[in-house]
């Protein structure tokens, strides 16, 4: 069981978080070490306890692992068990009392408004192209997670009023406004392409693959990468980057942090505050380029 959920988590990190192959390998090594340790204790990821994690960290220190490696193990376990909790595979978080690693946090990558224009001003003629454009419009226009996007059902959308209802982490429901460009793109998709993709299958999922079934995270990840390549975007793009871009562009244009927090569905505003750092970074770059005595 640990092996199965570990593979699911690594897929989540690759598709939704856009982690590099080297970073993924590091996570995989850490998780395999942990899986091997708890297997010797006749446990797996779904039933191990906090004490198993404490012992894993303790044994790592005793084996002479560097402080940075131990800190990374802790961060890996935190992310892994947060994922299991969000997926409903556990009802508790055994990492709750592990010491937090003191590692420098890197700022998330975002796309410029010019790059977003390239992605969104592309023409779409066939059914799959109309679907792809609608998905990207909705993701950028609402700040949804990719899991929330592919989880949308027909009943979750009100184009007349202009909102989406989605289920976030832990099954928490939130209402998200839908801008006009996203609403137009979604309506165009729902009018004909979706029905043709659905064929005779019975499903209420909005976004379907070419076989008429609900789209997967990995399916969307591949679609986004191909769409970016086709429309002249050379950056290594991944789905969660659009969520970061949504939030950063809101802050850049004067949105208050509380509103952004609500739109993103963050439980704690401290999670949202990273976007103010991104905005300040942009202001500093503009200053350095524009002011004659900035350098």
Foldseek 3Di string as FASTA:
>chain_A
DQVVLLVVLLVCCCFQVVDDPVVSVLLVVLSVLLQVQVVVVVDHPLDDALVSVVVSLVVCVVVPHDPVSSLVSLVSLQSSQLVCCQVVSYVDRSSVPPDHRPDDDDFDDADDPVLVCLLQVDDADDLVSLLLNLLLLQCLQQLERVVFSLPFFPVQDDLVVAWGWTQDGPRDIAITGGDDSSSVSLCVNVVPSLCVQLPPPDDRGSRADNNNHRDDSVNSQVSVQVSSVVRPNPDSDHSNNSSLHSLLVCVLVPHDQVVNCRSNVPPDSVVSCSSVVVNVVVVLVCCCVPPPPSD
